[in-house]
Amino acid sequence: MAERTTVRLPEDLVRRAKEKAAAQGRPLTALIEERLRRVLRERPEESGGGRVSLPVSSATGGLMPGIDLNDTAALQELDDLDAARRSR
């Protein structure tokens, strides 16, 4: 038995889907059902849903000279100076 449901989609997407369904001579529901079944049949490797390799930085360096992570007052001052510089 078919079930009714409400799905909120962008207007332009619904318009384009209706146009495609009409061009194929079938109702919008049939188009949505076909595509949803296709997505649900896909294997993870087909849909690109597998593990993602993220780029790893090869940068070297570290803290700027003179920065002490244990001196929170100095870190706050550097942050304030940086914010002031960006606001100009």
PDB file of N, CA and C in Angstrom:
ATOM      1  N   MET A   1       0.845  -1.180   0.000  1.00  0.00           N
ATOM      2  CA  MET A   1       0.000   0.000   0.000  1.00  0.00           C
ATOM      3  C   MET A   1       0.889   1.243   0.000  1.00  0.00           C
ATOM      4  N   ALA A   2       0.564   2.197  -0.814  1.00  0.00           N
ATOM      5  CA  ALA A   2       1.337   3.440  -0.905  1.00  0.00           C
ATOM      6  C   ALA A   2       1.050   4.329   0.301  1.00  0.00           C
ATOM      7  N   GLU A   3       2.067   5.043   0.704  1.00  0.00           N
ATOM      8  CA  GLU A   3       1.941   5.946   1.842  1.00  0.00           C
ATOM      9  C   GLU A   3       2.162   7.375   1.368  1.00  0.00           C
ATOM     10  N   ARG A   4       1.380   8.290   1.906  1.00  0.00           N
ATOM     11  CA  ARG A   4       1.543   9.708   1.588  1.00  0.00           C
ATOM     12  C   ARG A   4       2.520  10.307   2.567  1.00  0.00           C
ATOM     13  N   THR A   5       3.330  11.216   2.061  1.00  0.00           N
ATOM     14  CA  THR A   5       4.275  11.909   2.921  1.00  0.00           C
ATOM     15  C   THR A   5       4.502  13.311   2.379  1.00  0.00           C
ATOM     16  N   THR A   6       4.990  14.176   3.219  1.00  0.00           N
ATOM     17  CA  THR A   6       5.291  15.541   2.797  1.00  0.00           C
ATOM     18  C   THR A   6       6.800  15.709   2.780  1.00  0.00           C
ATOM     19  N   VAL A   7       7.305  16.224   1.683  1.00  0.00           N
ATOM     20  CA  VAL A   7       8.736  16.479   1.535  1.00  0.00           C
ATOM     21  C   VAL A   7       8.882  17.928   1.116  1.00  0.00           C
ATOM     22  N   ARG A   8       9.751  18.647   1.794  1.00  0.00           N
ATOM     23  CA  ARG A   8       9.980  20.051   1.452  1.00  0.00           C
ATOM     24  C   ARG A   8      11.212  20.142   0.556  1.00  0.00           C
ATOM     25  N   LEU A   9      11.011  20.686  -0.638  1.00  0.00           N
ATOM     26  CA  LEU A   9      12.075  20.813  -1.622  1.00  0.00           C
ATOM     27  C   LEU A   9      12.089  22.228  -2.174  1.00  0.00           C
ATOM     28  N   PRO A  10      13.236  22.683  -2.652  1.00  0.00           N
ATOM     29  CA  PRO A  10      13.298  24.009  -3.267  1.00  0.00           C
ATOM     30  C   PRO A  10      12.366  24.086  -4.480  1.00  0.00           C
ATOM     31  N   GLU A  11      11.733  25.242  -4.661  1.00  0.00           N
ATOM     32  CA  GLU A  11      10.757  25.420  -5.740  1.00  0.00           C
ATOM     33  C   GLU A  11      11.335  25.108  -7.110  1.00  0.00           C
ATOM     34  N   ASP A  12      12.563  25.569  -7.369  1.00  0.00           N
ATOM     35  CA  ASP A  12      13.147  25.337  -8.688  1.00  0.00           C
ATOM     36  C   ASP A  12      13.379  23.851  -8.943  1.00  0.00           C
ATOM     37  N   LEU A  13      13.724  23.089  -7.904  1.00  0.00           N
ATOM     38  CA  LEU A  13      13.930  21.653  -8.051  1.00  0.00           C
ATOM     39  C   LEU A  13      12.621  20.947  -8.376  1.00  0.00           C
ATOM     40  N   VAL A  14      11.558  21.319  -7.692  1.00  0.00           N
ATOM     41  CA  VAL A  14      10.242  20.725  -7.950  1.00  0.00           C
ATOM     42  C   VAL A  14       9.784  21.071  -9.362  1.00  0.00           C
ATOM     43  N   ARG A  15       9.981  22.314  -9.768  1.00  0.00           N
ATOM     44  CA  ARG A  15       9.584  22.729 -11.119  1.00  0.00           C
ATOM     45  C   ARG A  15      10.306  21.908 -12.181  1.00  0.00           C
ATOM     46  N   ARG A  16      11.629  21.759 -12.002  1.00  0.00           N
ATOM     47  CA  ARG A  16      12.424  21.002 -12.981  1.00  0.00           C
ATOM     48  C   ARG A  16      12.032  19.531 -12.997  1.00  0.00           C
ATOM     49  N   ALA A  17      11.744  18.969 -11.814  1.00  0.00           N
ATOM     50  CA  ALA A  17      11.337  17.565 -11.733  1.00  0.00           C
ATOM     51  C   ALA A  17       9.987  17.357 -12.411  1.00  0.00           C
ATOM     52  N   LYS A  18       9.058  18.295 -12.199  1.00  0.00           N
ATOM     53  CA  LYS A  18       7.753  18.192 -12.864  1.00  0.00           C
ATOM     54  C   LYS A  18       7.900  18.263 -14.373  1.00  0.00           C
ATOM     55  N   GLU A  19       8.775  19.149 -14.836  1.00  0.00           N
ATOM     56  CA  GLU A  19       9.007  19.270 -16.277  1.00  0.00           C
ATOM     57  C   GLU A  19       9.578  17.981 -16.840  1.00  0.00           C
ATOM     58  N   LYS A  20      10.527  17.379 -16.138  1.00  0.00           N
ATOM     59  CA  LYS A  20      11.148  16.133 -16.597  1.00  0.00           C
ATOM     60  C   LYS A  20      10.112  15.011 -16.628  1.00  0.00           C
ATOM     61  N   ALA A  21       9.310  14.910 -15.569  1.00  0.00           N
ATOM     62  CA  ALA A  21       8.279  13.872 -15.519  1.00  0.00           C
ATOM     63  C   ALA A  21       7.275  14.054 -16.652  1.00  0.00           C
ATOM     64  N   ALA A  22       6.863  15.298 -16.889  1.00  0.00           N
ATOM     65  CA  ALA A  22       5.899  15.569 -17.963  1.00  0.00           C
ATOM     66  C   ALA A  22       6.498  15.224 -19.322  1.00  0.00           C
ATOM     67  N   ALA A  23       7.771  15.540 -19.515  1.00  0.00           N
ATOM     68  CA  ALA A  23       8.432  15.228 -20.783  1.00  0.00           C
ATOM     69  C   ALA A  23       8.491  13.718 -21.013  1.00  0.00           C
ATOM     70  N   GLN A  24       8.531  12.960 -19.935  1.00  0.00           N
ATOM     71  CA  GLN A  24       8.561  11.499 -20.037  1.00  0.00           C
ATOM     72  C   GLN A  24       7.157  10.907 -20.027  1.00  0.00           C
ATOM     73  N   GLY A  25       6.145  11.768 -19.883  1.00  0.00           N
ATOM     74  CA  GLY A  25       4.754  11.323 -19.907  1.00  0.00           C
ATOM     75  C   GLY A  25       4.348  10.509 -18.690  1.00  0.00           C
ATOM     76  N   ARG A  26       4.867  10.869 -17.541  1.00  0.00           N
ATOM     77  CA  ARG A  26       4.504  10.149 -16.322  1.00  0.00           C
ATOM     78  C   ARG A  26       4.396  11.109 -15.152  1.00  0.00           C
ATOM     79  N   PRO A  27       3.757  10.673 -14.075  1.00  0.00           N
ATOM     80  CA  PRO A  27       3.586  11.569 -12.928  1.00  0.00           C
ATOM     81  C   PRO A  27       4.884  11.793 -12.165  1.00  0.00           C
ATOM     82  N   LEU A  28       4.931  12.908 -11.468  1.00  0.00           N
ATOM     83  CA  LEU A  28       6.088  13.255 -10.651  1.00  0.00           C
ATOM     84  C   LEU A  28       6.384  12.159  -9.635  1.00  0.00           C
ATOM     85  N   THR A  29       5.355  11.573  -9.050  1.00  0.00           N
ATOM     86  CA  THR A  29       5.538  10.509  -8.056  1.00  0.00           C
ATOM     87  C   THR A  29       6.334   9.348  -8.635  1.00  0.00           C
ATOM     88  N   ALA A  30       6.060   8.979  -9.880  1.00  0.00           N
ATOM     89  CA  ALA A  30       6.776   7.867 -10.507  1.00  0.00           C
ATOM     90  C   ALA A  30       8.254   8.198 -10.683  1.00  0.00           C
ATOM     91  N   LEU A  31       8.547   9.437 -11.071  1.00  0.00           N
ATOM     92  CA  LEU A  31       9.934   9.864 -11.231  1.00  0.00           C
ATOM     93  C   LEU A  31      10.669   9.798  -9.893  1.00  0.00           C
ATOM     94  N   ILE A  32      10.059  10.339  -8.852  1.00  0.00           N
ATOM     95  CA  ILE A  32      10.680  10.351  -7.525  1.00  0.00           C
ATOM     96  C   ILE A  32      10.874   8.919  -7.026  1.00  0.00           C
ATOM     97  N   GLU A  33       9.870   8.076  -7.192  1.00  0.00           N
ATOM     98  CA  GLU A  33       9.972   6.686  -6.726  1.00  0.00           C
ATOM     99  C   GLU A  33      11.095   5.942  -7.443  1.00  0.00           C
ATOM    100  N   GLU A  34      11.195   6.117  -8.752  1.00  0.00           N
ATOM    101  CA  GLU A  34      12.241   5.430  -9.516  1.00  0.00           C
ATOM    102  C   GLU A  34      13.634   5.846  -9.038  1.00  0.00           C
ATOM    103  N   ARG A  35      13.838   7.149  -8.892  1.00  0.00           N
ATOM    104  CA  ARG A  35      15.156   7.641  -8.490  1.00  0.00           C
ATOM    105  C   ARG A  35      15.485   7.251  -7.050  1.00  0.00           C
ATOM    106  N   LEU A  36      14.504   7.259  -6.177  1.00  0.00           N
ATOM    107  CA  LEU A  36      14.741   6.867  -4.791  1.00  0.00           C
ATOM    108  C   LEU A  36      15.108   5.389  -4.715  1.00  0.00           C
ATOM    109  N   ARG A  37      14.414   4.551  -5.468  1.00  0.00           N
ATOM    110  CA  ARG A  37      14.755   3.118  -5.498  1.00  0.00           C
ATOM    111  C   ARG A  37      16.171   2.908  -6.024  1.00  0.00           C
ATOM    112  N   ARG A  38      16.560   3.675  -7.041  1.00  0.00           N
ATOM    113  CA  ARG A  38      17.899   3.557  -7.613  1.00  0.00           C
ATOM    114  C   ARG A  38      18.962   3.917  -6.560  1.00  0.00           C
ATOM    115  N   VAL A  39      18.744   4.995  -5.837  1.00  0.00           N
ATOM    116  CA  VAL A  39      19.694   5.416  -4.802  1.00  0.00           C
ATOM    117  C   VAL A  39      19.799   4.358  -3.706  1.00  0.00           C
ATOM    118  N   LEU A  40      18.688   3.787  -3.311  1.00  0.00           N
ATOM    119  CA  LEU A  40      18.692   2.795  -2.241  1.00  0.00           C
ATOM    120  C   LEU A  40      19.327   1.475  -2.675  1.00  0.00           C
ATOM    121  N   ARG A  41      19.362   1.189  -3.968  1.00  0.00           N
ATOM    122  CA  ARG A  41      19.994  -0.031  -4.487  1.00  0.00           C
ATOM    123  C   ARG A  41      21.505   0.100  -4.602  1.00  0.00           C
ATOM    124  N   GLU A  42      22.015   1.318  -4.692  1.00  0.00           N
ATOM    125  CA  GLU A  42      23.449   1.528  -4.895  1.00  0.00           C
ATOM    126  C   GLU A  42      24.269   0.956  -3.761  1.00  0.00           C
ATOM    127  N   ARG A  43      25.423   0.444  -4.134  1.00  0.00           N
ATOM    128  CA  ARG A  43      26.390   0.008  -3.129  1.00  0.00           C
ATOM    129  C   ARG A  43      27.161   1.239  -2.677  1.00  0.00           C
ATOM    130  N   PRO A  44      27.707   1.228  -1.474  1.00  0.00           N
ATOM    131  CA  PRO A  44      28.432   2.420  -0.977  1.00  0.00           C
ATOM    132  C   PRO A  44      29.531   2.890  -1.914  1.00  0.00           C
ATOM    133  N   GLU A  45      30.278   1.966  -2.541  1.00  0.00           N
ATOM    134  CA  GLU A  45      31.366   2.393  -3.418  1.00  0.00           C
ATOM    135  C   GLU A  45      30.846   3.046  -4.690  1.00  0.00           C
ATOM    136  N   GLU A  46      29.618   2.735  -5.111  1.00  0.00           N
ATOM    137  CA  GLU A  46      29.035   3.351  -6.295  1.00  0.00           C
ATOM    138  C   GLU A  46      28.576   4.774  -6.015  1.00  0.00           C
ATOM    139  N   SER A  47      28.101   5.013  -4.807  1.00  0.00           N
ATOM    140  CA  SER A  47      27.559   6.322  -4.475  1.00  0.00           C
ATOM    141  C   SER A  47      28.618   7.288  -3.979  1.00  0.00           C
ATOM    142  N   GLY A  48      29.848   6.815  -3.857  1.00  0.00           N
ATOM    143  CA  GLY A  48      30.906   7.684  -3.363  1.00  0.00           C
ATOM    144  C   GLY A  48      30.842   7.862  -1.862  1.00  0.00           C
ATOM    145  N   GLY A  49      30.091   7.005  -1.181  1.00  0.00           N
ATOM    146  CA  GLY A  49      29.922   7.139   0.255  1.00  0.00           C
ATOM    147  C   GLY A  49      30.974   6.413   1.064  1.00  0.00           C
ATOM    148  N   GLY A  50      32.049   5.962   0.419  1.00  0.00           N
ATOM    149  CA  GLY A  50      33.098   5.247   1.128  1.00  0.00           C
ATOM    150  C   GLY A  50      33.986   6.181   1.925  1.00  0.00           C
ATOM    151  N   ARG A  51      35.116   5.669   2.312  1.00  0.00           N
ATOM    152  CA  ARG A  51      36.065   6.442   3.094  1.00  0.00           C
ATOM    153  C   ARG A  51      36.642   7.563   2.245  1.00  0.00           C
ATOM    154  N   VAL A  52      36.778   8.712   2.832  1.00  0.00           N
ATOM    155  CA  VAL A  52      37.293   9.887   2.138  1.00  0.00           C
ATOM    156  C   VAL A  52      38.729  10.120   2.572  1.00  0.00           C
ATOM    157  N   SER A  53      39.612  10.325   1.606  1.00  0.00           N
ATOM    158  CA  SER A  53      40.998  10.646   1.926  1.00  0.00           C
ATOM    159  C   SER A  53      41.140  12.162   1.973  1.00  0.00           C
ATOM    160  N   LEU A  54      41.533  12.670   3.112  1.00  0.00           N
ATOM    161  CA  LEU A  54      41.706  14.103   3.269  1.00  0.00           C
ATOM    162  C   LEU A  54      43.147  14.479   2.960  1.00  0.00           C
ATOM    163  N   PRO A  55      43.350  15.663   2.408  1.00  0.00           N
ATOM    164  CA  PRO A  55      44.723  16.091   2.141  1.00  0.00           C
ATOM    165  C   PRO A  55      45.469  16.311   3.458  1.00  0.00           C
ATOM    166  N   VAL A  56      46.720  15.943   3.457  1.00  0.00           N
ATOM    167  CA  VAL A  56      47.555  16.110   4.644  1.00  0.00           C
ATOM    168  C   VAL A  56      48.568  17.205   4.355  1.00  0.00           C
ATOM    169  N   SER A  57      48.684  18.130   5.282  1.00  0.00           N
ATOM    170  CA  SER A  57      49.604  19.240   5.101  1.00  0.00           C
ATOM    171  C   SER A  57      51.047  18.771   5.230  1.00  0.00           C
ATOM    172  N   SER A  58      51.887  19.307   4.388  1.00  0.00           N
ATOM    173  CA  SER A  58      53.317  19.001   4.485  1.00  0.00           C
ATOM    174  C   SER A  58      54.079  20.223   5.013  1.00  0.00           C
ATOM    175  N   ALA A  59      53.320  21.174   5.555  1.00  0.00           N
ATOM    176  CA  ALA A  59      53.937  22.400   6.067  1.00  0.00           C
ATOM    177  C   ALA A  59      54.802  22.083   7.273  1.00  0.00           C
ATOM    178  N   THR A  60      55.839  22.863   7.417  1.00  0.00           N
ATOM    179  CA  THR A  60      56.697  22.718   8.585  1.00  0.00           C
ATOM    180  C   THR A  60      56.632  24.016   9.372  1.00  0.00           C
ATOM    181  N   GLY A  61      57.165  23.997  10.528  1.00  0.00           N
ATOM    182  CA  GLY A  61      57.167  25.223  11.320  1.00  0.00           C
ATOM    183  C   GLY A  61      56.626  24.968  12.694  1.00  0.00           C
ATOM    184  N   GLY A  62      55.781  25.801  13.132  1.00  0.00           N
ATOM    185  CA  GLY A  62      55.233  25.700  14.472  1.00  0.00           C
ATOM    186  C   GLY A  62      54.854  27.084  14.937  1.00  0.00           C
ATOM    187  N   LEU A  63      55.035  27.320  16.191  1.00  0.00           N
ATOM    188  CA  LEU A  63      54.692  28.614  16.767  1.00  0.00           C
ATOM    189  C   LEU A  63      55.651  29.690  16.289  1.00  0.00           C
ATOM    190  N   MET A  64      55.148  30.900  16.239  1.00  0.00           N
ATOM    191  CA  MET A  64      56.016  32.034  15.927  1.00  0.00           C
ATOM    192  C   MET A  64      57.004  32.201  17.077  1.00  0.00           C
ATOM    193  N   PRO A  65      58.183  32.681  16.774  1.00  0.00           N
ATOM    194  CA  PRO A  65      59.176  32.875  17.844  1.00  0.00           C
ATOM    195  C   PRO A  65      58.625  33.788  18.945  1.00  0.00           C
ATOM    196  N   GLY A  66      58.882  33.410  20.173  1.00  0.00           N
ATOM    197  CA  GLY A  66      58.488  34.232  21.306  1.00  0.00           C
ATOM    198  C   GLY A  66      57.106  33.937  21.848  1.00  0.00           C
ATOM    199  N   ILE A  67      56.362  33.016  21.257  1.00  0.00           N
ATOM    200  CA  ILE A  67      55.023  32.709  21.750  1.00  0.00           C
ATOM    201  C   ILE A  67      55.110  31.574  22.753  1.00  0.00           C
ATOM    202  N   ASP A  68      54.537  31.827  23.934  1.00  0.00           N
ATOM    203  CA  ASP A  68      54.522  30.841  25.004  1.00  0.00           C
ATOM    204  C   ASP A  68      53.064  30.453  25.243  1.00  0.00           C
ATOM    205  N   LEU A  69      52.718  29.203  24.944  1.00  0.00           N
ATOM    206  CA  LEU A  69      51.333  28.759  25.097  1.00  0.00           C
ATOM    207  C   LEU A  69      50.874  28.747  26.550  1.00  0.00           C
ATOM    208  N   ASN A  70      51.805  28.810  27.480  1.00  0.00           N
ATOM    209  CA  ASN A  70      51.437  28.827  28.897  1.00  0.00           C
ATOM    210  C   ASN A  70      51.125  30.228  29.401  1.00  0.00           C
ATOM    211  N   ASP A  71      51.424  31.248  28.606  1.00  0.00           N
ATOM    212  CA  ASP A  71      51.190  32.641  29.005  1.00  0.00           C
ATOM    213  C   ASP A  71      49.881  33.114  28.363  1.00  0.00           C
ATOM    214  N   THR A  72      48.762  32.853  29.043  1.00  0.00           N
ATOM    215  CA  THR A  72      47.458  33.166  28.461  1.00  0.00           C
ATOM    216  C   THR A  72      47.237  34.657  28.271  1.00  0.00           C
ATOM    217  N   ALA A  73      47.805  35.476  29.145  1.00  0.00           N
ATOM    218  CA  ALA A  73      47.645  36.928  29.004  1.00  0.00           C
ATOM    219  C   ALA A  73      48.317  37.407  27.715  1.00  0.00           C
ATOM    220  N   ALA A  74      49.498  36.880  27.430  1.00  0.00           N
ATOM    221  CA  ALA A  74      50.199  37.267  26.207  1.00  0.00           C
ATOM    222  C   ALA A  74      49.433  36.770  24.969  1.00  0.00           C
ATOM    223  N   LEU A  75      48.870  35.562  25.053  1.00  0.00           N
ATOM    224  CA  LEU A  75      48.091  35.031  23.927  1.00  0.00           C
ATOM    225  C   LEU A  75      46.865  35.893  23.669  1.00  0.00           C
ATOM    226  N   GLN A  76      46.190  36.324  24.745  1.00  0.00           N
ATOM    227  CA  GLN A  76      45.022  37.184  24.600  1.00  0.00           C
ATOM    228  C   GLN A  76      45.406  38.511  23.974  1.00  0.00           C
ATOM    229  N   GLU A  77      46.538  39.064  24.383  1.00  0.00           N
ATOM    230  CA  GLU A  77      47.000  40.331  23.827  1.00  0.00           C
ATOM    231  C   GLU A  77      47.299  40.193  22.337  1.00  0.00           C
ATOM    232  N   LEU A  78      47.952  39.089  21.956  1.00  0.00           N
ATOM    233  CA  LEU A  78      48.233  38.848  20.532  1.00  0.00           C
ATOM    234  C   LEU A  78      46.942  38.726  19.739  1.00  0.00           C
ATOM    235  N   ASP A  79      45.961  38.041  20.333  1.00  0.00           N
ATOM    236  CA  ASP A  79      44.667  37.880  19.677  1.00  0.00           C
ATOM    237  C   ASP A  79      43.967  39.229  19.516  1.00  0.00           C
ATOM    238  N   ASP A  80      44.023  40.061  20.551  1.00  0.00           N
ATOM    239  CA  ASP A  80      43.423  41.395  20.484  1.00  0.00           C
ATOM    240  C   ASP A  80      44.102  42.256  19.426  1.00  0.00           C
ATOM    241  N   LEU A  81      45.433  42.193  19.366  1.00  0.00           N
ATOM    242  CA  LEU A  81      46.170  42.964  18.374  1.00  0.00           C
ATOM    243  C   LEU A  81      45.825  42.504  16.954  1.00  0.00           C
ATOM    244  N   ASP A  82      45.686  41.193  16.793  1.00  0.00           N
ATOM    245  CA  ASP A  82      45.329  40.651  15.477  1.00  0.00           C
ATOM    246  C   ASP A  82      43.929  41.081  15.076  1.00  0.00           C
ATOM    247  N   ALA A  83      42.992  41.066  16.026  1.00  0.00           N
ATOM    248  CA  ALA A  83      41.614  41.490  15.733  1.00  0.00           C
ATOM    249  C   ALA A  83      41.574  42.969  15.383  1.00  0.00           C
ATOM    250  N   ALA A  84      42.357  43.774  16.078  1.00  0.00           N
ATOM    251  CA  ALA A  84      42.412  45.211  15.782  1.00  0.00           C
ATOM    252  C   ALA A  84      42.991  45.456  14.387  1.00  0.00           C
ATOM    253  N   ARG A  85      44.021  44.690  14.042  1.00  0.00           N
ATOM    254  CA  ARG A  85      44.646  44.828  12.730  1.00  0.00           C
ATOM    255  C   ARG A  85      43.664  44.467  11.598  1.00  0.00           C
ATOM    256  N   ARG A  86      42.864  43.400  11.823  1.00  0.00           N
ATOM    257  CA  ARG A  86      41.908  42.976  10.802  1.00  0.00           C
ATOM    258  C   ARG A  86      40.744  43.950  10.658  1.00  0.00           C
ATOM    259  N   SER A  87      40.413  44.661  11.723  1.00  0.00           N
ATOM    260  CA  SER A  87      39.242  45.564  11.669  1.00  0.00           C
ATOM    261  C   SER A  87      39.544  46.874  10.950  1.00  0.00           C
ATOM    262  N   ARG A  88      40.779  47.143  10.640  1.00  0.00           N
ATOM    263  CA  ARG A  88      41.158  48.397   9.967  1.00  0.00           C
ATOM    264  C   ARG A  88      40.791  48.366   8.523  1.00  0.00           C
TER     265      ARG A  88
END
